[in-house]
Amino acid sequence: MTATPKRFIAGAICPRCAAMDRIRSWENEGVLYRECVSCDFFEQLPVEDTSSPEMETRVNQPRETPADDTIQTVRIITPPDR
């Protein structure tokens, strides 16, 4: 039996009684649960299917940087006195 300890969720609002900071959550055998300690609201959250591939966007793609390995010398010139 794999169960996580019951923990209160900070800032969570109960969908039934609208009480804040009264929701606690835990996981048991891979199933997520949450309940309100004020009004006995109870919900079993569906197991998320992680097998679907992530949609390709410009954010999750590796950035192609041009390979510029050439070395350039820099000459520092002092301005003439005026």
PDB file of N, CA and C in Angstrom:
ATOM      1  N   MET A   1       0.847  -1.173   0.000  1.00  0.00           N
ATOM      2  CA  MET A   1       0.000   0.000   0.000  1.00  0.00           C
ATOM      3  C   MET A   1       0.893   1.236   0.000  1.00  0.00           C
ATOM      4  N   THR A   2       0.742   2.073  -1.027  1.00  0.00           N
ATOM      5  CA  THR A   2       1.520   3.299  -1.117  1.00  0.00           C
ATOM      6  C   THR A   2       0.587   4.483  -0.935  1.00  0.00           C
ATOM      7  N   ALA A   3       0.693   5.132   0.188  1.00  0.00           N
ATOM      8  CA  ALA A   3      -0.169   6.278   0.475  1.00  0.00           C
ATOM      9  C   ALA A   3       0.686   7.433   0.961  1.00  0.00           C
ATOM     10  N   THR A   4       0.347   8.628   0.514  1.00  0.00           N
ATOM     11  CA  THR A   4       1.030   9.823   0.993  1.00  0.00           C
ATOM     12  C   THR A   4       0.246  10.385   2.168  1.00  0.00           C
ATOM     13  N   PRO A   5       0.896  11.132   3.044  1.00  0.00           N
ATOM     14  CA  PRO A   5       0.157  11.717   4.173  1.00  0.00           C
ATOM     15  C   PRO A   5      -0.831  12.779   3.680  1.00  0.00           C
ATOM     16  N   LYS A   6      -1.911  12.950   4.436  1.00  0.00           N
ATOM     17  CA  LYS A   6      -2.911  13.959   4.084  1.00  0.00           C
ATOM     18  C   LYS A   6      -2.342  15.331   4.398  1.00  0.00           C
ATOM     19  N   ARG A   7      -2.419  16.240   3.417  1.00  0.00           N
ATOM     20  CA  ARG A   7      -1.854  17.583   3.577  1.00  0.00           C
ATOM     21  C   ARG A   7      -2.886  18.623   3.191  1.00  0.00           C
ATOM     22  N   PHE A   8      -2.898  19.730   3.931  1.00  0.00           N
ATOM     23  CA  PHE A   8      -3.786  20.835   3.601  1.00  0.00           C
ATOM     24  C   PHE A   8      -3.178  21.631   2.453  1.00  0.00           C
ATOM     25  N   ILE A   9      -4.024  22.088   1.537  1.00  0.00           N
ATOM     26  CA  ILE A   9      -3.596  22.854   0.381  1.00  0.00           C
ATOM     27  C   ILE A   9      -3.808  24.333   0.680  1.00  0.00           C
ATOM     28  N   ALA A  10      -2.728  25.092   0.767  1.00  0.00           N
ATOM     29  CA  ALA A  10      -2.811  26.512   1.112  1.00  0.00           C
ATOM     30  C   ALA A  10      -3.512  27.289   0.003  1.00  0.00           C
ATOM     31  N   GLY A  11      -4.504  28.083   0.391  1.00  0.00           N
ATOM     32  CA  GLY A  11      -5.219  28.936  -0.549  1.00  0.00           C
ATOM     33  C   GLY A  11      -6.317  28.244  -1.322  1.00  0.00           C
ATOM     34  N   ALA A  12      -6.504  26.942  -1.123  1.00  0.00           N
ATOM     35  CA  ALA A  12      -7.550  26.225  -1.852  1.00  0.00           C
ATOM     36  C   ALA A  12      -8.916  26.556  -1.271  1.00  0.00           C
ATOM     37  N   ILE A  13      -9.907  26.693  -2.154  1.00  0.00           N
ATOM     38  CA  ILE A  13     -11.274  27.017  -1.748  1.00  0.00           C
ATOM     39  C   ILE A  13     -12.160  25.824  -2.060  1.00  0.00           C
ATOM     40  N   CYS A  14     -12.985  25.442  -1.110  1.00  0.00           N
ATOM     41  CA  CYS A  14     -13.886  24.304  -1.285  1.00  0.00           C
ATOM     42  C   CYS A  14     -14.934  24.645  -2.343  1.00  0.00           C
ATOM     43  N   PRO A  15     -15.155  23.771  -3.323  1.00  0.00           N
ATOM     44  CA  PRO A  15     -16.154  24.053  -4.350  1.00  0.00           C
ATOM     45  C   PRO A  15     -17.592  23.987  -3.829  1.00  0.00           C
ATOM     46  N   ARG A  16     -17.816  23.360  -2.694  1.00  0.00           N
ATOM     47  CA  ARG A  16     -19.171  23.246  -2.155  1.00  0.00           C
ATOM     48  C   ARG A  16     -19.501  24.366  -1.169  1.00  0.00           C
ATOM     49  N   CYS A  17     -18.665  24.563  -0.149  1.00  0.00           N
ATOM     50  CA  CYS A  17     -18.996  25.538   0.899  1.00  0.00           C
ATOM     51  C   CYS A  17     -18.187  26.829   0.800  1.00  0.00           C
ATOM     52  N   ALA A  18     -17.249  26.923  -0.128  1.00  0.00           N
ATOM     53  CA  ALA A  18     -16.415  28.104  -0.378  1.00  0.00           C
ATOM     54  C   ALA A  18     -15.523  28.473   0.808  1.00  0.00           C
ATOM     55  N   ALA A  19     -15.242  27.539   1.692  1.00  0.00           N
ATOM     56  CA  ALA A  19     -14.329  27.796   2.807  1.00  0.00           C
ATOM     57  C   ALA A  19     -12.890  27.719   2.303  1.00  0.00           C
ATOM     58  N   MET A  20     -12.077  28.679   2.718  1.00  0.00           N
ATOM     59  CA  MET A  20     -10.684  28.705   2.285  1.00  0.00           C
ATOM     60  C   MET A  20      -9.803  27.962   3.280  1.00  0.00           C
ATOM     61  N   ASP A  21      -8.782  27.312   2.761  1.00  0.00           N
ATOM     62  CA  ASP A  21      -7.794  26.572   3.559  1.00  0.00           C
ATOM     63  C   ASP A  21      -8.417  25.431   4.360  1.00  0.00           C
ATOM     64  N   ARG A  22      -9.431  24.796   3.838  1.00  0.00           N
ATOM     65  CA  ARG A  22     -10.060  23.665   4.519  1.00  0.00           C
ATOM     66  C   ARG A  22      -9.978  22.386   3.675  1.00  0.00           C
ATOM     67  N   ILE A  23      -9.272  22.434   2.545  1.00  0.00           N
ATOM     68  CA  ILE A  23      -9.136  21.283   1.650  1.00  0.00           C
ATOM     69  C   ILE A  23      -7.842  20.546   1.979  1.00  0.00           C
ATOM     70  N   ARG A  24      -7.946  19.250   2.132  1.00  0.00           N
ATOM     71  CA  ARG A  24      -6.743  18.437   2.286  1.00  0.00           C
ATOM     72  C   ARG A  24      -6.701  17.422   1.156  1.00  0.00           C
ATOM     73  N   SER A  25      -5.497  17.045   0.783  1.00  0.00           N
ATOM     74  CA  SER A  25      -5.296  16.192  -0.376  1.00  0.00           C
ATOM     75  C   SER A  25      -4.315  15.083  -0.029  1.00  0.00           C
ATOM     76  N   TRP A  26      -4.479  13.948  -0.687  1.00  0.00           N
ATOM     77  CA  TRP A  26      -3.547  12.837  -0.514  1.00  0.00           C
ATOM     78  C   TRP A  26      -3.654  11.906  -1.709  1.00  0.00           C
ATOM     79  N   GLU A  27      -2.705  10.992  -1.813  1.00  0.00           N
ATOM     80  CA  GLU A  27      -2.674  10.020  -2.896  1.00  0.00           C
ATOM     81  C   GLU A  27      -2.592   8.633  -2.291  1.00  0.00           C
ATOM     82  N   ASN A  28      -3.370   7.716  -2.835  1.00  0.00           N
ATOM     83  CA  ASN A  28      -3.386   6.341  -2.353  1.00  0.00           C
ATOM     84  C   ASN A  28      -3.478   5.420  -3.558  1.00  0.00           C
ATOM     85  N   GLU A  29      -2.501   4.539  -3.699  1.00  0.00           N
ATOM     86  CA  GLU A  29      -2.455   3.579  -4.802  1.00  0.00           C
ATOM     87  C   GLU A  29      -2.524   4.272  -6.164  1.00  0.00           C
ATOM     88  N   GLY A  30      -1.907   5.434  -6.289  1.00  0.00           N
ATOM     89  CA  GLY A  30      -1.882   6.152  -7.559  1.00  0.00           C
ATOM     90  C   GLY A  30      -3.124   6.966  -7.865  1.00  0.00           C
ATOM     91  N   VAL A  31      -4.081   7.020  -6.949  1.00  0.00           N
ATOM     92  CA  VAL A  31      -5.310   7.790  -7.137  1.00  0.00           C
ATOM     93  C   VAL A  31      -5.262   9.003  -6.216  1.00  0.00           C
ATOM     94  N   LEU A  32      -5.562  10.189  -6.759  1.00  0.00           N
ATOM     95  CA  LEU A  32      -5.541  11.417  -5.977  1.00  0.00           C
ATOM     96  C   LEU A  32      -6.913  11.681  -5.365  1.00  0.00           C
ATOM     97  N   TYR A  33      -6.917  12.075  -4.101  1.00  0.00           N
ATOM     98  CA  TYR A  33      -8.155  12.388  -3.395  1.00  0.00           C
ATOM     99  C   TYR A  33      -8.049  13.782  -2.801  1.00  0.00           C
ATOM    100  N   ARG A  34      -9.198  14.451  -2.630  1.00  0.00           N
ATOM    101  CA  ARG A  34      -9.239  15.700  -1.878  1.00  0.00           C
ATOM    102  C   ARG A  34     -10.569  15.772  -1.159  1.00  0.00           C
ATOM    103  N   GLU A  35     -10.537  16.393   0.018  1.00  0.00           N
ATOM    104  CA  GLU A  35     -11.754  16.516   0.805  1.00  0.00           C
ATOM    105  C   GLU A  35     -11.725  17.803   1.610  1.00  0.00           C
ATOM    106  N   CYS A  36     -12.931  18.304   1.944  1.00  0.00           N
ATOM    107  CA  CYS A  36     -13.079  19.487   2.780  1.00  0.00           C
ATOM    108  C   CYS A  36     -13.395  19.013   4.190  1.00  0.00           C
ATOM    109  N   VAL A  37     -12.686  19.556   5.171  1.00  0.00           N
ATOM    110  CA  VAL A  37     -12.921  19.151   6.551  1.00  0.00           C
ATOM    111  C   VAL A  37     -14.095  19.907   7.169  1.00  0.00           C
ATOM    112  N   SER A  38     -14.616  20.933   6.466  1.00  0.00           N
ATOM    113  CA  SER A  38     -15.750  21.694   6.995  1.00  0.00           C
ATOM    114  C   SER A  38     -17.091  21.096   6.586  1.00  0.00           C
ATOM    115  N   CYS A  39     -17.223  20.732   5.311  1.00  0.00           N
ATOM    116  CA  CYS A  39     -18.540  20.299   4.825  1.00  0.00           C
ATOM    117  C   CYS A  39     -18.554  18.859   4.335  1.00  0.00           C
ATOM    118  N   ASP A  40     -17.494  18.112   4.545  1.00  0.00           N
ATOM    119  CA  ASP A  40     -17.394  16.708   4.127  1.00  0.00           C
ATOM    120  C   ASP A  40     -17.454  16.526   2.612  1.00  0.00           C
ATOM    121  N   PHE A  41     -17.077  17.557   1.841  1.00  0.00           N
ATOM    122  CA  PHE A  41     -16.939  17.417   0.391  1.00  0.00           C
ATOM    123  C   PHE A  41     -15.813  16.428   0.127  1.00  0.00           C
ATOM    124  N   PHE A  42     -16.020  15.509  -0.812  1.00  0.00           N
ATOM    125  CA  PHE A  42     -15.021  14.497  -1.134  1.00  0.00           C
ATOM    126  C   PHE A  42     -14.967  14.330  -2.640  1.00  0.00           C
ATOM    127  N   GLU A  43     -13.754  14.242  -3.180  1.00  0.00           N
ATOM    128  CA  GLU A  43     -13.606  14.081  -4.623  1.00  0.00           C
ATOM    129  C   GLU A  43     -12.423  13.177  -4.913  1.00  0.00           C
ATOM    130  N   GLN A  44     -12.637  12.257  -5.839  1.00  0.00           N
ATOM    131  CA  GLN A  44     -11.568  11.400  -6.328  1.00  0.00           C
ATOM    132  C   GLN A  44     -11.172  11.948  -7.687  1.00  0.00           C
ATOM    133  N   LEU A  45      -9.933  12.386  -7.815  1.00  0.00           N
ATOM    134  CA  LEU A  45      -9.485  13.015  -9.052  1.00  0.00           C
ATOM    135  C   LEU A  45      -9.083  11.949 -10.058  1.00  0.00           C
ATOM    136  N   PRO A  46      -9.397  12.180 -11.327  1.00  0.00           N
ATOM    137  CA  PRO A  46      -9.048  11.183 -12.343  1.00  0.00           C
ATOM    138  C   PRO A  46      -7.541  11.073 -12.508  1.00  0.00           C
ATOM    139  N   VAL A  47      -7.111   9.885 -12.857  1.00  0.00           N
ATOM    140  CA  VAL A  47      -5.695   9.647 -13.089  1.00  0.00           C
ATOM    141  C   VAL A  47      -5.348  10.257 -14.441  1.00  0.00           C
ATOM    142  N   GLU A  48      -4.307  11.083 -14.479  1.00  0.00           N
ATOM    143  CA  GLU A  48      -3.915  11.742 -15.715  1.00  0.00           C
ATOM    144  C   GLU A  48      -3.148  10.774 -16.603  1.00  0.00           C
ATOM    145  N   ASP A  49      -3.505  10.768 -17.877  1.00  0.00           N
ATOM    146  CA  ASP A  49      -2.823   9.922 -18.844  1.00  0.00           C
ATOM    147  C   ASP A  49      -1.625  10.692 -19.388  1.00  0.00           C
ATOM    148  N   THR A  50      -0.437  10.232 -19.063  1.00  0.00           N
ATOM    149  CA  THR A  50       0.776  10.931 -19.486  1.00  0.00           C
ATOM    150  C   THR A  50       1.354  10.346 -20.762  1.00  0.00           C
ATOM    151  N   SER A  51       0.625   9.460 -21.441  1.00  0.00           N
ATOM    152  CA  SER A  51       1.166   8.828 -22.631  1.00  0.00           C
ATOM    153  C   SER A  51       1.006   9.684 -23.879  1.00  0.00           C
ATOM    154  N   SER A  52       0.191  10.730 -23.839  1.00  0.00           N
ATOM    155  CA  SER A  52       0.016  11.569 -25.020  1.00  0.00           C
ATOM    156  C   SER A  52       1.251  12.446 -25.210  1.00  0.00           C
ATOM    157  N   PRO A  53       1.725  12.553 -26.443  1.00  0.00           N
ATOM    158  CA  PRO A  53       2.937  13.343 -26.676  1.00  0.00           C
ATOM    159  C   PRO A  53       2.654  14.840 -26.544  1.00  0.00           C
ATOM    160  N   GLU A  54       3.675  15.559 -26.156  1.00  0.00           N
ATOM    161  CA  GLU A  54       3.541  17.003 -26.005  1.00  0.00           C
ATOM    162  C   GLU A  54       3.564  17.663 -27.380  1.00  0.00           C
ATOM    163  N   MET A  55       2.686  18.627 -27.590  1.00  0.00           N
ATOM    164  CA  MET A  55       2.618  19.323 -28.861  1.00  0.00           C
ATOM    165  C   MET A  55       3.889  20.157 -29.050  1.00  0.00           C
ATOM    166  N   GLU A  56       4.433  20.125 -30.259  1.00  0.00           N
ATOM    167  CA  GLU A  56       5.668  20.845 -30.527  1.00  0.00           C
ATOM    168  C   GLU A  56       5.383  22.331 -30.690  1.00  0.00           C
ATOM    169  N   THR A  57       6.094  23.134 -29.932  1.00  0.00           N
ATOM    170  CA  THR A  57       5.997  24.586 -30.033  1.00  0.00           C
ATOM    171  C   THR A  57       7.403  25.154 -30.080  1.00  0.00           C
ATOM    172  N   ARG A  58       7.508  26.456 -30.299  1.00  0.00           N
ATOM    173  CA  ARG A  58       8.834  27.068 -30.337  1.00  0.00           C
ATOM    174  C   ARG A  58       9.479  27.101 -28.960  1.00  0.00           C
ATOM    175  N   VAL A  59       8.669  26.954 -27.912  1.00  0.00           N
ATOM    176  CA  VAL A  59       9.192  27.032 -26.555  1.00  0.00           C
ATOM    177  C   VAL A  59       9.860  25.727 -26.131  1.00  0.00           C
ATOM    178  N   ASN A  60       9.294  24.587 -26.521  1.00  0.00           N
ATOM    179  CA  ASN A  60       9.843  23.319 -26.049  1.00  0.00           C
ATOM    180  C   ASN A  60      10.818  22.681 -27.042  1.00  0.00           C
ATOM    181  N   GLN A  61      11.230  23.401 -28.064  1.00  0.00           N
ATOM    182  CA  GLN A  61      12.202  22.897 -29.024  1.00  0.00           C
ATOM    183  C   GLN A  61      13.591  23.420 -28.666  1.00  0.00           C
ATOM    184  N   PRO A  62      14.631  22.635 -28.926  1.00  0.00           N
ATOM    185  CA  PRO A  62      15.983  23.137 -28.641  1.00  0.00           C
ATOM    186  C   PRO A  62      16.326  24.294 -29.576  1.00  0.00           C
ATOM    187  N   ARG A  63      16.991  25.270 -29.033  1.00  0.00           N
ATOM    188  CA  ARG A  63      17.347  26.456 -29.808  1.00  0.00           C
ATOM    189  C   ARG A  63      18.614  26.170 -30.601  1.00  0.00           C
ATOM    190  N   GLU A  64      18.531  26.432 -31.896  1.00  0.00           N
ATOM    191  CA  GLU A  64      19.693  26.226 -32.747  1.00  0.00           C
ATOM    192  C   GLU A  64      20.528  27.498 -32.746  1.00  0.00           C
ATOM    193  N   THR A  65      21.735  27.386 -32.239  1.00  0.00           N
ATOM    194  CA  THR A  65      22.633  28.534 -32.227  1.00  0.00           C
ATOM    195  C   THR A  65      23.698  28.315 -33.295  1.00  0.00           C
ATOM    196  N   PRO A  66      23.982  29.340 -34.063  1.00  0.00           N
ATOM    197  CA  PRO A  66      25.008  29.162 -35.096  1.00  0.00           C
ATOM    198  C   PRO A  66      26.377  28.967 -34.455  1.00  0.00           C
ATOM    199  N   ALA A  67      27.113  28.043 -35.022  1.00  0.00           N
ATOM    200  CA  ALA A  67      28.449  27.756 -34.500  1.00  0.00           C
ATOM    201  C   ALA A  67      29.420  28.780 -35.069  1.00  0.00           C
ATOM    202  N   ASP A  68      29.806  29.746 -34.268  1.00  0.00           N
ATOM    203  CA  ASP A  68      30.742  30.786 -34.686  1.00  0.00           C
ATOM    204  C   ASP A  68      31.971  30.687 -33.792  1.00  0.00           C
ATOM    205  N   ASP A  69      32.896  29.856 -34.216  1.00  0.00           N
ATOM    206  CA  ASP A  69      34.086  29.609 -33.416  1.00  0.00           C
ATOM    207  C   ASP A  69      35.296  30.396 -33.907  1.00  0.00           C
ATOM    208  N   THR A  70      35.090  31.368 -34.787  1.00  0.00           N
ATOM    209  CA  THR A  70      36.225  32.136 -35.289  1.00  0.00           C
ATOM    210  C   THR A  70      36.692  33.125 -34.228  1.00  0.00           C
ATOM    211  N   ILE A  71      37.993  33.270 -34.146  1.00  0.00           N
ATOM    212  CA  ILE A  71      38.584  34.181 -33.169  1.00  0.00           C
ATOM    213  C   ILE A  71      38.959  35.468 -33.892  1.00  0.00           C
ATOM    214  N   GLN A  72      38.547  36.582 -33.348  1.00  0.00           N
ATOM    215  CA  GLN A  72      38.867  37.879 -33.929  1.00  0.00           C
ATOM    216  C   GLN A  72      39.699  38.677 -32.933  1.00  0.00           C
ATOM    217  N   THR A  73      40.680  39.357 -33.453  1.00  0.00           N
ATOM    218  CA  THR A  73      41.499  40.195 -32.588  1.00  0.00           C
ATOM    219  C   THR A  73      40.905  41.594 -32.531  1.00  0.00           C
ATOM    220  N   VAL A  74      41.101  42.245 -31.418  1.00  0.00           N
ATOM    221  CA  VAL A  74      40.580  43.589 -31.215  1.00  0.00           C
ATOM    222  C   VAL A  74      41.756  44.504 -30.913  1.00  0.00           C
ATOM    223  N   ARG A  75      41.786  45.644 -31.578  1.00  0.00           N
ATOM    224  CA  ARG A  75      42.850  46.619 -31.344  1.00  0.00           C
ATOM    225  C   ARG A  75      42.236  47.832 -30.665  1.00  0.00           C
ATOM    226  N   ILE A  76      42.777  48.196 -29.509  1.00  0.00           N
ATOM    227  CA  ILE A  76      42.261  49.332 -28.759  1.00  0.00           C
ATOM    228  C   ILE A  76      43.032  50.572 -29.190  1.00  0.00           C
ATOM    229  N   ILE A  77      42.296  51.570 -29.634  1.00  0.00           N
ATOM    230  CA  ILE A  77      42.904  52.806 -30.117  1.00  0.00           C
ATOM    231  C   ILE A  77      42.604  53.904 -29.110  1.00  0.00           C
ATOM    232  N   THR A  78      43.639  54.615 -28.699  1.00  0.00           N
ATOM    233  CA  THR A  78      43.422  55.750 -27.799  1.00  0.00           C
ATOM    234  C   THR A  78      43.151  56.984 -28.644  1.00  0.00           C
ATOM    235  N   PRO A  79      42.182  57.797 -28.266  1.00  0.00           N
ATOM    236  CA  PRO A  79      41.868  58.988 -29.067  1.00  0.00           C
ATOM    237  C   PRO A  79      42.983  60.026 -28.949  1.00  0.00           C
ATOM    238  N   PRO A  80      43.220  60.788 -30.014  1.00  0.00           N
ATOM    239  CA  PRO A  80      44.273  61.809 -29.953  1.00  0.00           C
ATOM    240  C   PRO A  80      43.868  62.955 -29.030  1.00  0.00           C
ATOM    241  N   ASP A  81      44.847  63.615 -28.455  1.00  0.00           N
ATOM    242  CA  ASP A  81      44.568  64.755 -27.578  1.00  0.00           C
ATOM    243  C   ASP A  81      44.139  65.947 -28.418  1.00  0.00           C
ATOM    244  N   ARG A  82      43.207  66.700 -27.966  1.00  0.00           N
ATOM    245  CA  ARG A  82      42.732  67.882 -28.682  1.00  0.00           C
ATOM    246  C   ARG A  82      43.165  69.120 -28.023  1.00  0.00           C
TER     247      ARG A  82
END
